[in-house]
PDB file of all heavy atoms in Angstrom:
ATOM      1  N   GLY A   1      -1.695  20.861  -4.601  1.00  0.00           N
ATOM      2  CA  GLY A   1      -0.321  20.941  -4.651  1.00  0.00           C
ATOM      3  C   GLY A   1       0.334  19.902  -3.762  1.00  0.00           C
ATOM      4  O   GLY A   1       0.149  18.676  -3.930  1.00  0.00           O
ATOM      5  N   PRO A   2       1.174  20.234  -2.761  1.00  0.00           N
ATOM      6  CA  PRO A   2       1.926  19.365  -2.009  1.00  0.00           C
ATOM      7  C   PRO A   2       1.027  18.372  -1.188  1.00  0.00           C
ATOM      8  O   PRO A   2       1.334  17.297  -0.937  1.00  0.00           O
ATOM      9  CB  PRO A   2       2.752  20.153  -1.049  1.00  0.00           C
ATOM     10  CG  PRO A   2       2.146  21.402  -0.945  1.00  0.00           C
ATOM     11  CD  PRO A   2       1.488  21.599  -2.427  1.00  0.00           C
ATOM     12  N   GLY A   3      -0.112  18.826  -0.790  1.00  0.00           N
ATOM     13  CA  GLY A   3      -1.075  18.027  -0.012  1.00  0.00           C
ATOM     14  C   GLY A   3      -1.513  16.897  -0.972  1.00  0.00           C
ATOM     15  O   GLY A   3      -1.640  15.664  -0.569  1.00  0.00           O
ATOM     16  N   ALA A   4      -1.881  17.145  -2.244  1.00  0.00           N
ATOM     17  CA  ALA A   4      -2.451  16.228  -3.038  1.00  0.00           C
ATOM     18  C   ALA A   4      -1.318  15.320  -3.451  1.00  0.00           C
ATOM     19  O   ALA A   4      -1.555  14.073  -3.532  1.00  0.00           O
ATOM     20  CB  ALA A   4      -2.993  16.963  -4.319  1.00  0.00           C
ATOM     21  N   THR A   5      -0.101  15.780  -3.821  1.00  0.00           N
ATOM     22  CA  THR A   5       0.881  14.808  -4.192  1.00  0.00           C
ATOM     23  C   THR A   5       1.350  13.943  -3.097  1.00  0.00           C
ATOM     24  O   THR A   5       1.986  12.840  -3.267  1.00  0.00           O
ATOM     25  CB  THR A   5       2.048  15.587  -4.770  1.00  0.00           C
ATOM     26  OG1 THR A   5       2.518  16.541  -3.819  1.00  0.00           O
ATOM     27  CG2 THR A   5       1.715  16.379  -6.050  1.00  0.00           C
ATOM     28  N   ASN A   6       1.180  14.302  -1.800  1.00  0.00           N
ATOM     29  CA  ASN A   6       1.529  13.443  -0.719  1.00  0.00           C
ATOM     30  C   ASN A   6       0.543  12.313  -0.658  1.00  0.00           C
ATOM     31  O   ASN A   6       0.972  11.285   0.062  1.00  0.00           O
ATOM     32  CB  ASN A   6       1.476  14.175   0.697  1.00  0.00           C
ATOM     33  CG  ASN A   6       2.745  15.112   0.832  1.00  0.00           C
ATOM     34  OD1 ASN A   6       3.742  14.747   0.136  1.00  0.00           O
ATOM     35  ND2 ASN A   6       2.637  16.056   1.711  1.00  0.00           N
ATOM     36  N   LEU A   7      -0.483  12.178  -1.359  1.00  0.00           N
ATOM     37  CA  LEU A   7      -1.463  11.094  -1.333  1.00  0.00           C
ATOM     38  C   LEU A   7      -0.982  10.031  -2.403  1.00  0.00           C
ATOM     39  O   LEU A   7      -1.469   8.828  -2.208  1.00  0.00           O
ATOM     40  CB  LEU A   7      -2.774  11.568  -1.773  1.00  0.00           C
ATOM     41  CG  LEU A   7      -3.617  12.572  -0.835  1.00  0.00           C
ATOM     42  CD1 LEU A   7      -4.884  12.893  -1.496  1.00  0.00           C
ATOM     43  CD2 LEU A   7      -3.763  11.898   0.530  1.00  0.00           C
ATOM     44  N   VAL A   8      -0.026  10.369  -3.175  1.00  0.00           N
ATOM     45  CA  VAL A   8       0.256   9.407  -4.279  1.00  0.00           C
ATOM     46  C   VAL A   8       0.681   7.980  -3.889  1.00  0.00           C
ATOM     47  O   VAL A   8       0.285   6.989  -4.404  1.00  0.00           O
ATOM     48  CB  VAL A   8       1.346  10.122  -5.182  1.00  0.00           C
ATOM     49  CG1 VAL A   8       1.832   9.056  -6.205  1.00  0.00           C
ATOM     50  CG2 VAL A   8       0.649  11.263  -5.943  1.00  0.00           C
ATOM     51  N   THR A   9       1.571   7.893  -2.914  1.00  0.00           N
ATOM     52  CA  THR A   9       2.004   6.547  -2.490  1.00  0.00           C
ATOM     53  C   THR A   9       0.806   5.672  -2.015  1.00  0.00           C
ATOM     54  O   THR A   9       0.741   4.536  -2.345  1.00  0.00           O
ATOM     55  CB  THR A   9       3.220   6.629  -1.396  1.00  0.00           C
ATOM     56  OG1 THR A   9       4.240   7.325  -1.933  1.00  0.00           O
ATOM     57  CG2 THR A   9       3.611   5.305  -0.952  1.00  0.00           C
ATOM     58  N   GLY A  10      -0.001   6.230  -1.133  1.00  0.00           N
ATOM     59  CA  GLY A  10      -1.131   5.499  -0.711  1.00  0.00           C
ATOM     60  C   GLY A  10      -2.173   5.183  -1.712  1.00  0.00           C
ATOM     61  O   GLY A  10      -2.693   4.126  -1.842  1.00  0.00           O
ATOM     62  N   ILE A  11      -2.382   6.174  -2.747  1.00  0.00           N
ATOM     63  CA  ILE A  11      -3.155   5.738  -3.920  1.00  0.00           C
ATOM     64  C   ILE A  11      -2.635   4.735  -4.652  1.00  0.00           C
ATOM     65  O   ILE A  11      -3.346   3.730  -5.101  1.00  0.00           O
ATOM     66  CB  ILE A  11      -3.414   6.992  -4.767  1.00  0.00           C
ATOM     67  CG1 ILE A  11      -4.191   8.115  -3.947  1.00  0.00           C
ATOM     68  CG2 ILE A  11      -4.159   6.666  -6.033  1.00  0.00           C
ATOM     69  CD1 ILE A  11      -4.286   9.488  -4.726  1.00  0.00           C
ATOM     70  N   ALA A  12      -1.317   4.738  -5.029  1.00  0.00           N
ATOM     71  CA  ALA A  12      -0.716   3.566  -5.757  1.00  0.00           C
ATOM     72  C   ALA A  12      -0.715   2.293  -5.081  1.00  0.00           C
ATOM     73  O   ALA A  12      -0.971   1.257  -5.704  1.00  0.00           O
ATOM     74  CB  ALA A  12       0.806   3.961  -5.947  1.00  0.00           C
ATOM     75  N   THR A  13      -0.619   2.272  -3.742  1.00  0.00           N
ATOM     76  CA  THR A  13      -0.812   1.055  -2.921  1.00  0.00           C
ATOM     77  C   THR A  13      -2.162   0.498  -3.213  1.00  0.00           C
ATOM     78  O   THR A  13      -2.472  -0.712  -3.420  1.00  0.00           O
ATOM     79  CB  THR A  13      -0.478   1.293  -1.465  1.00  0.00           C
ATOM     80  OG1 THR A  13       0.734   1.732  -1.292  1.00  0.00           O
ATOM     81  CG2 THR A  13      -0.769  -0.016  -0.666  1.00  0.00           C
ATOM     82  N   ALA A  14      -3.215   1.311  -2.936  1.00  0.00           N
ATOM     83  CA  ALA A  14      -4.622   0.880  -3.094  1.00  0.00           C
ATOM     84  C   ALA A  14      -4.874   0.397  -4.622  1.00  0.00           C
ATOM     85  O   ALA A  14      -5.557  -0.669  -4.887  1.00  0.00           O
ATOM     86  CB  ALA A  14      -5.579   1.979  -2.887  1.00  0.00           C
ATOM     87  N   TYR A  15      -4.180   1.058  -5.608  1.00  0.00           N
ATOM     88  CA  TYR A  15      -4.364   0.547  -7.025  1.00  0.00           C
ATOM     89  C   TYR A  15      -3.797  -0.807  -7.203  1.00  0.00           C
ATOM     90  O   TYR A  15      -4.380  -1.616  -7.859  1.00  0.00           O
ATOM     91  CB  TYR A  15      -3.708   1.626  -7.994  1.00  0.00           C
ATOM     92  CG  TYR A  15      -3.856   1.330  -9.310  1.00  0.00           C
ATOM     93  CD1 TYR A  15      -5.225   1.543 -10.003  1.00  0.00           C
ATOM     94  CD2 TYR A  15      -2.795   0.869 -10.149  1.00  0.00           C
ATOM     95  CE1 TYR A  15      -5.382   1.307 -11.383  1.00  0.00           C
ATOM     96  CE2 TYR A  15      -2.923   0.589 -11.474  1.00  0.00           C
ATOM     97  CZ  TYR A  15      -4.141   0.787 -12.097  1.00  0.00           C
ATOM     98  OH  TYR A  15      -4.337   0.547 -13.423  1.00  0.00           O
ATOM     99  N   MET A  16      -2.588  -0.948  -6.739  1.00  0.00           N
ATOM    100  CA  MET A  16      -1.880  -2.324  -6.911  1.00  0.00           C
ATOM    101  C   MET A  16      -2.573  -3.433  -6.209  1.00  0.00           C
ATOM    102  O   MET A  16      -2.686  -4.520  -6.646  1.00  0.00           O
ATOM    103  CB  MET A  16      -0.451  -2.248  -6.404  1.00  0.00           C
ATOM    104  CG  MET A  16       0.352  -1.206  -7.167  1.00  0.00           C
ATOM    105  SD  MET A  16       0.553  -1.743  -8.950  1.00  0.00           S
ATOM    106  CE  MET A  16       1.400  -3.277  -8.761  1.00  0.00           C
ATOM    107  N   ASP A  17      -3.244  -3.171  -5.202  1.00  0.00           N
ATOM    108  CA  ASP A  17      -3.967  -4.211  -4.377  1.00  0.00           C
ATOM    109  C   ASP A  17      -5.439  -4.259  -4.525  1.00  0.00           C
ATOM    110  O   ASP A  17      -6.134  -4.972  -3.838  1.00  0.00           O
ATOM    111  CB  ASP A  17      -3.661  -4.097  -2.863  1.00  0.00           C
ATOM    112  CG  ASP A  17      -2.177  -4.451  -2.510  1.00  0.00           C
ATOM    113  OD1 ASP A  17      -1.485  -4.964  -3.357  1.00  0.00           O
ATOM    114  OD2 ASP A  17      -1.679  -4.040  -1.388  1.00  0.00           O
ATOM    115  N   SER A  18      -5.962  -3.413  -5.449  1.00  0.00           N
ATOM    116  CA  SER A  18      -7.398  -3.394  -5.877  1.00  0.00           C
ATOM    117  C   SER A  18      -8.323  -2.998  -4.583  1.00  0.00           C
ATOM    118  O   SER A  18      -9.289  -3.797  -4.305  1.00  0.00           O
ATOM    119  CB  SER A  18      -7.853  -4.781  -6.440  1.00  0.00           C
ATOM    120  OG  SER A  18      -7.045  -4.976  -7.560  1.00  0.00           O
ATOM    121  N   ILE A  19      -7.896  -1.960  -3.977  1.00  0.00           N
ATOM    122  CA  ILE A  19      -8.652  -1.479  -2.813  1.00  0.00           C
ATOM    123  C   ILE A  19      -9.602  -0.207  -3.171  1.00  0.00           C
ATOM    124  O   ILE A  19      -9.197   0.586  -3.712  1.00  0.00           O
ATOM    125  CB  ILE A  19      -7.676  -1.042  -1.624  1.00  0.00           C
ATOM    126  CG1 ILE A  19      -6.693  -2.266  -1.333  1.00  0.00           C
ATOM    127  CG2 ILE A  19      -8.425  -0.660  -0.431  1.00  0.00           C
ATOM    128  CD1 ILE A  19      -7.228  -3.594  -0.959  1.00  0.00           C
ATOM    129  N   PRO A  20     -10.846  -0.279  -2.683  1.00  0.00           N
ATOM    130  CA  PRO A  20     -11.753   0.709  -3.090  1.00  0.00           C
ATOM    131  C   PRO A  20     -11.498   1.999  -2.227  1.00  0.00           C
ATOM    132  O   PRO A  20     -11.532   1.927  -0.948  1.00  0.00           O
ATOM    133  CB  PRO A  20     -13.171   0.187  -2.728  1.00  0.00           C
ATOM    134  CG  PRO A  20     -12.930  -0.875  -1.736  1.00  0.00           C
ATOM    135  CD  PRO A  20     -11.553  -1.406  -2.060  1.00  0.00           C
ATOM    136  N   MET A  21     -11.247   3.103  -2.873  1.00  0.00           N
ATOM    137  CA  MET A  21     -10.826   4.347  -2.221  1.00  0.00           C
ATOM    138  C   MET A  21     -11.344   5.555  -3.034  1.00  0.00           C
ATOM    139  O   MET A  21     -11.223   5.437  -4.369  1.00  0.00           O
ATOM    140  CB  MET A  21      -9.439   4.398  -2.023  1.00  0.00           C
ATOM    141  CG  MET A  21      -8.899   5.765  -1.370  1.00  0.00           C
ATOM    142  SD  MET A  21      -7.110   6.116  -1.531  1.00  0.00           S
ATOM    143  CE  MET A  21      -6.458   4.820  -0.525  1.00  0.00           C
ATOM    144  N   VAL A  22     -11.815   6.479  -2.390  1.00  0.00           N
ATOM    145  CA  VAL A  22     -12.065   7.802  -3.237  1.00  0.00           C
ATOM    146  C   VAL A  22     -11.154   8.947  -2.545  1.00  0.00           C
ATOM    147  O   VAL A  22     -11.261   9.191  -1.208  1.00  0.00           O
ATOM    148  CB  VAL A  22     -13.554   8.230  -3.106  1.00  0.00           C
ATOM    149  CG1 VAL A  22     -13.673   9.661  -3.616  1.00  0.00           C
ATOM    150  CG2 VAL A  22     -14.432   7.202  -3.924  1.00  0.00           C
ATOM    151  N   ALA A  23     -10.291   9.447  -3.280  1.00  0.00           N
ATOM    152  CA  ALA A  23      -9.335  10.476  -2.829  1.00  0.00           C
ATOM    153  C   ALA A  23      -9.941  11.804  -3.334  1.00  0.00           C
ATOM    154  O   ALA A  23     -10.044  12.075  -4.384  1.00  0.00           O
ATOM    155  CB  ALA A  23      -7.964  10.341  -3.272  1.00  0.00           C
ATOM    156  N   ILE A  24     -10.107  12.698  -2.416  1.00  0.00           N
ATOM    157  CA  ILE A  24     -10.709  14.102  -2.743  1.00  0.00           C
ATOM    158  C   ILE A  24      -9.536  15.043  -2.492  1.00  0.00           C
ATOM    159  O   ILE A  24      -9.056  15.155  -1.322  1.00  0.00           O
ATOM    160  CB  ILE A  24     -11.929  14.422  -1.772  1.00  0.00           C
ATOM    161  CG1 ILE A  24     -13.042  13.337  -2.194  1.00  0.00           C
ATOM    162  CG2 ILE A  24     -12.510  15.825  -2.121  1.00  0.00           C
ATOM    163  CD1 ILE A  24     -14.188  13.528  -1.119  1.00  0.00           C
ATOM    164  N   THR A  25      -9.354  15.917  -3.449  1.00  0.00           N
ATOM    165  CA  THR A  25      -8.278  16.868  -3.308  1.00  0.00           C
ATOM    166  C   THR A  25      -8.796  18.249  -3.792  1.00  0.00           C
ATOM    167  O   THR A  25      -9.677  18.376  -4.523  1.00  0.00           O
ATOM    168  CB  THR A  25      -7.070  16.591  -4.293  1.00  0.00           C
ATOM    169  OG1 THR A  25      -7.583  16.347  -5.614  1.00  0.00           O
ATOM    170  CG2 THR A  25      -6.295  15.292  -3.796  1.00  0.00           C
ATOM    171  N   GLY A  26      -8.289  19.227  -3.035  1.00  0.00           N
ATOM    172  CA  GLY A  26      -8.573  20.627  -3.337  1.00  0.00           C
ATOM    173  C   GLY A  26      -7.674  21.048  -4.568  1.00  0.00           C
ATOM    174  O   GLY A  26      -6.602  20.476  -4.769  1.00  0.00           O
ATOM    175  N   GLN A  27      -8.159  21.973  -5.162  1.00  0.00           N
ATOM    176  CA  GLN A  27      -7.405  22.598  -6.372  1.00  0.00           C
ATOM    177  C   GLN A  27      -7.408  24.093  -6.329  1.00  0.00           C
ATOM    178  O   GLN A  27      -8.329  24.640  -5.729  1.00  0.00           O
ATOM    179  CB  GLN A  27      -7.976  22.045  -7.705  1.00  0.00           C
ATOM    180  CG  GLN A  27      -7.025  22.463  -8.958  1.00  0.00           C
ATOM    181  CD  GLN A  27      -5.638  22.030  -8.805  1.00  0.00           C
ATOM    182  OE1 GLN A  27      -4.835  22.846  -8.360  1.00  0.00           O
ATOM    183  NE2 GLN A  27      -5.325  20.820  -9.305  1.00  0.00           N
ATOM    184  N   VAL A  28      -6.472  24.845  -6.957  1.00  0.00           N
ATOM    185  CA  VAL A  28      -6.493  26.216  -7.079  1.00  0.00           C
ATOM    186  C   VAL A  28      -7.755  26.652  -7.798  1.00  0.00           C
ATOM    187  O   VAL A  28      -8.491  25.867  -8.463  1.00  0.00           O
ATOM    188  CB  VAL A  28      -5.246  26.734  -7.744  1.00  0.00           C
ATOM    189  CG1 VAL A  28      -3.961  26.439  -7.037  1.00  0.00           C
ATOM    190  CG2 VAL A  28      -5.230  26.288  -9.164  1.00  0.00           C
ATOM    191  N   LYS A  29      -8.162  27.934  -7.696  1.00  0.00           N
ATOM    192  CA  LYS A  29      -9.306  28.408  -8.390  1.00  0.00           C
ATOM    193  C   LYS A  29      -9.216  28.138  -9.938  1.00  0.00           C
ATOM    194  O   LYS A  29      -8.140  28.044 -10.528  1.00  0.00           O
ATOM    195  CB  LYS A  29      -9.430  29.931  -8.180  1.00  0.00           C
ATOM    196  CG  LYS A  29      -9.702  30.297  -6.874  1.00  0.00           C
ATOM    197  CD  LYS A  29      -9.896  31.800  -6.523  1.00  0.00           C
ATOM    198  CE  LYS A  29     -10.160  32.095  -5.054  1.00  0.00           C
ATOM    199  NZ  LYS A  29     -10.361  33.621  -4.813  1.00  0.00           N
ATOM    200  N   SER A  30     -10.386  27.822 -10.378  1.00  0.00           N
ATOM    201  CA  SER A  30     -10.460  27.407 -11.798  1.00  0.00           C
ATOM    202  C   SER A  30      -9.735  28.234 -12.899  1.00  0.00           C
ATOM    203  O   SER A  30      -9.046  27.670 -13.692  1.00  0.00           O
ATOM    204  CB  SER A  30     -12.019  27.221 -12.226  1.00  0.00           C
ATOM    205  OG  SER A  30     -12.688  26.512 -11.406  1.00  0.00           O
ATOM    206  N   PHE A  31      -9.838  29.554 -12.686  1.00  0.00           N
ATOM    207  CA  PHE A  31      -9.242  30.425 -13.611  1.00  0.00           C
ATOM    208  C   PHE A  31      -7.783  30.521 -13.527  1.00  0.00           C
ATOM    209  O   PHE A  31      -6.982  31.083 -14.389  1.00  0.00           O
ATOM    210  CB  PHE A  31      -9.872  31.883 -13.489  1.00  0.00           C
ATOM    211  CG  PHE A  31      -9.615  32.552 -12.304  1.00  0.00           C
ATOM    212  CD1 PHE A  31      -8.509  33.297 -12.010  1.00  0.00           C
ATOM    213  CD2 PHE A  31     -10.623  32.506 -11.329  1.00  0.00           C
ATOM    214  CE1 PHE A  31      -8.284  33.919 -10.764  1.00  0.00           C
ATOM    215  CE2 PHE A  31     -10.369  33.082 -10.098  1.00  0.00           C
ATOM    216  CZ  PHE A  31      -9.277  33.770  -9.835  1.00  0.00           C
ATOM    217  N   LEU A  32      -7.141  29.970 -12.498  1.00  0.00           N
ATOM    218  CA  LEU A  32      -5.649  29.893 -12.241  1.00  0.00           C
ATOM    219  C   LEU A  32      -5.073  28.602 -12.727  1.00  0.00           C
ATOM    220  O   LEU A  32      -3.819  28.556 -12.874  1.00  0.00           O
ATOM    221  CB  LEU A  32      -5.406  30.144 -10.794  1.00  0.00           C
ATOM    222  CG  LEU A  32      -5.654  31.532 -10.180  1.00  0.00           C
ATOM    223  CD1 LEU A  32      -5.370  31.405  -8.743  1.00  0.00           C
ATOM    224  CD2 LEU A  32      -4.849  32.547 -10.922  1.00  0.00           C
ATOM    225  N   ILE A  33      -5.922  27.610 -13.004  1.00  0.00           N
ATOM    226  CA  ILE A  33      -5.275  26.292 -13.454  1.00  0.00           C
ATOM    227  C   ILE A  33      -4.572  26.353 -14.725  1.00  0.00           C
ATOM    228  O   ILE A  33      -4.976  27.055 -15.659  1.00  0.00           O
ATOM    229  CB  ILE A  33      -6.537  25.313 -13.610  1.00  0.00           C
ATOM    230  CG1 ILE A  33      -7.171  24.947 -12.331  1.00  0.00           C
ATOM    231  CG2 ILE A  33      -6.000  23.859 -14.190  1.00  0.00           C
ATOM    232  CD1 ILE A  33      -8.405  24.103 -12.390  1.00  0.00           C
ATOM    233  N   GLY A  34      -3.237  25.832 -14.665  1.00  0.00           N
ATOM    234  CA  GLY A  34      -2.483  25.932 -15.780  1.00  0.00           C
ATOM    235  C   GLY A  34      -1.489  27.032 -15.770  1.00  0.00           C
ATOM    236  O   GLY A  34      -0.739  27.237 -16.729  1.00  0.00           O
ATOM    237  N   ASN A  35      -1.551  28.048 -14.797  1.00  0.00           N
ATOM    238  CA  ASN A  35      -0.724  29.153 -14.677  1.00  0.00           C
ATOM    239  C   ASN A  35       0.355  29.022 -13.572  1.00  0.00           C
ATOM    240  O   ASN A  35       0.967  29.923 -13.238  1.00  0.00           O
ATOM    241  CB  ASN A  35      -1.616  30.356 -14.301  1.00  0.00           C
ATOM    242  CG  ASN A  35      -2.467  30.841 -15.468  1.00  0.00           C
ATOM    243  OD1 ASN A  35      -1.960  30.919 -16.566  1.00  0.00           O
ATOM    244  ND2 ASN A  35      -3.691  30.971 -15.339  1.00  0.00           N
ATOM    245  N   ASP A  36       0.590  27.847 -13.143  1.00  0.00           N
ATOM    246  CA  ASP A  36       1.599  27.567 -12.159  1.00  0.00           C
ATOM    247  C   ASP A  36       1.344  28.425 -10.822  1.00  0.00           C
ATOM    248  O   ASP A  36       2.189  29.031 -10.211  1.00  0.00           O
ATOM    249  CB  ASP A  36       3.065  27.863 -12.599  1.00  0.00           C
ATOM    250  CG  ASP A  36       3.464  26.926 -13.685  1.00  0.00           C
ATOM    251  OD1 ASP A  36       3.006  25.764 -13.696  1.00  0.00           O
ATOM    252  OD2 ASP A  36       4.326  27.265 -14.522  1.00  0.00           O
ATOM    253  N   ALA A  37       0.059  28.319 -10.504  1.00  0.00           N
ATOM    254  CA  ALA A  37      -0.458  29.108  -9.315  1.00  0.00           C
ATOM    255  C   ALA A  37       0.189  28.570  -8.053  1.00  0.00           C
ATOM    256  O   ALA A  37       0.711  27.458  -8.059  1.00  0.00           O
ATOM    257  CB  ALA A  37      -1.860  29.220  -9.212  1.00  0.00           C
ATOM    258  N   PHE A  38       0.111  29.276  -6.848  1.00  0.00           N
ATOM    259  CA  PHE A  38       0.581  28.904  -5.547  1.00  0.00           C
ATOM    260  C   PHE A  38      -0.019  27.554  -5.249  1.00  0.00           C
ATOM    261  O   PHE A  38      -1.243  27.442  -5.203  1.00  0.00           O
ATOM    262  CB  PHE A  38       0.420  29.968  -4.537  1.00  0.00           C
ATOM    263  CG  PHE A  38       0.716  29.573  -3.194  1.00  0.00           C
ATOM    264  CD1 PHE A  38       2.016  29.417  -2.851  1.00  0.00           C
ATOM    265  CD2 PHE A  38      -0.266  29.183  -2.198  1.00  0.00           C
ATOM    266  CE1 PHE A  38       2.400  29.063  -1.585  1.00  0.00           C
ATOM    267  CE2 PHE A  38       0.039  28.842  -0.984  1.00  0.00           C
ATOM    268  CZ  PHE A  38       1.316  28.709  -0.558  1.00  0.00           C
ATOM    269  N   GLN A  39       0.789  26.551  -5.008  1.00  0.00           N
ATOM    270  CA  GLN A  39       0.439  25.260  -4.579  1.00  0.00           C
ATOM    271  C   GLN A  39      -0.520  24.561  -5.596  1.00  0.00           C
ATOM    272  O   GLN A  39      -1.631  23.948  -5.336  1.00  0.00           O
ATOM    273  CB  GLN A  39      -0.351  25.200  -3.182  1.00  0.00           C
ATOM    274  CG  GLN A  39       0.626  25.473  -2.062  1.00  0.00           C
ATOM    275  CD  GLN A  39       0.135  25.067  -0.650  1.00  0.00           C
ATOM    276  OE1 GLN A  39      -1.079  24.918  -0.571  1.00  0.00           O
ATOM    277  NE2 GLN A  39       1.054  24.870   0.263  1.00  0.00           N
ATOM    278  N   GLU A  40      -0.194  24.793  -6.856  1.00  0.00           N
ATOM    279  CA  GLU A  40      -0.993  24.047  -7.989  1.00  0.00           C
ATOM    280  C   GLU A  40      -0.107  22.905  -8.442  1.00  0.00           C
ATOM    281  O   GLU A  40       1.088  22.936  -8.615  1.00  0.00           O
ATOM    282  CB  GLU A  40      -1.215  25.113  -9.175  1.00  0.00           C
ATOM    283  CG  GLU A  40      -1.848  24.298 -10.301  1.00  0.00           C
ATOM    284  CD  GLU A  40      -1.976  25.047 -11.617  1.00  0.00           C
ATOM    285  OE1 GLU A  40      -1.398  26.232 -11.595  1.00  0.00           O
ATOM    286  OE2 GLU A  40      -2.463  24.610 -12.538  1.00  0.00           O
ATOM    287  N   ALA A  41      -0.826  21.826  -8.577  1.00  0.00           N
ATOM    288  CA  ALA A  41      -0.246  20.603  -9.159  1.00  0.00           C
ATOM    289  C   ALA A  41      -1.286  19.842  -9.960  1.00  0.00           C
ATOM    290  O   ALA A  41      -2.486  19.796  -9.656  1.00  0.00           O
ATOM    291  CB  ALA A  41       0.371  19.578  -8.082  1.00  0.00           C
ATOM    292  N   ASP A  42      -0.840  19.300 -11.205  1.00  0.00           N
ATOM    293  CA  ASP A  42      -1.828  18.560 -12.006  1.00  0.00           C
ATOM    294  C   ASP A  42      -2.014  17.163 -11.401  1.00  0.00           C
ATOM    295  O   ASP A  42      -1.538  16.205 -11.929  1.00  0.00           O
ATOM    296  CB  ASP A  42      -1.205  18.543 -13.432  1.00  0.00           C
ATOM    297  CG  ASP A  42      -2.185  17.719 -14.396  1.00  0.00           C
ATOM    298  OD1 ASP A  42      -3.284  17.537 -14.046  1.00  0.00           O
ATOM    299  OD2 ASP A  42      -1.594  17.350 -15.406  1.00  0.00           O
TER     300      ASP A  42
END
């Protein structure tokens, strides 16, 4: 959710400047995906 979306500006910077990065994000439990669960973001 908000933790993952807070990475977006830094990821976009790396993308525009061709910088090698792996961003690892947590996600809600698999069976909750798509149900607008607490702190869920696509």
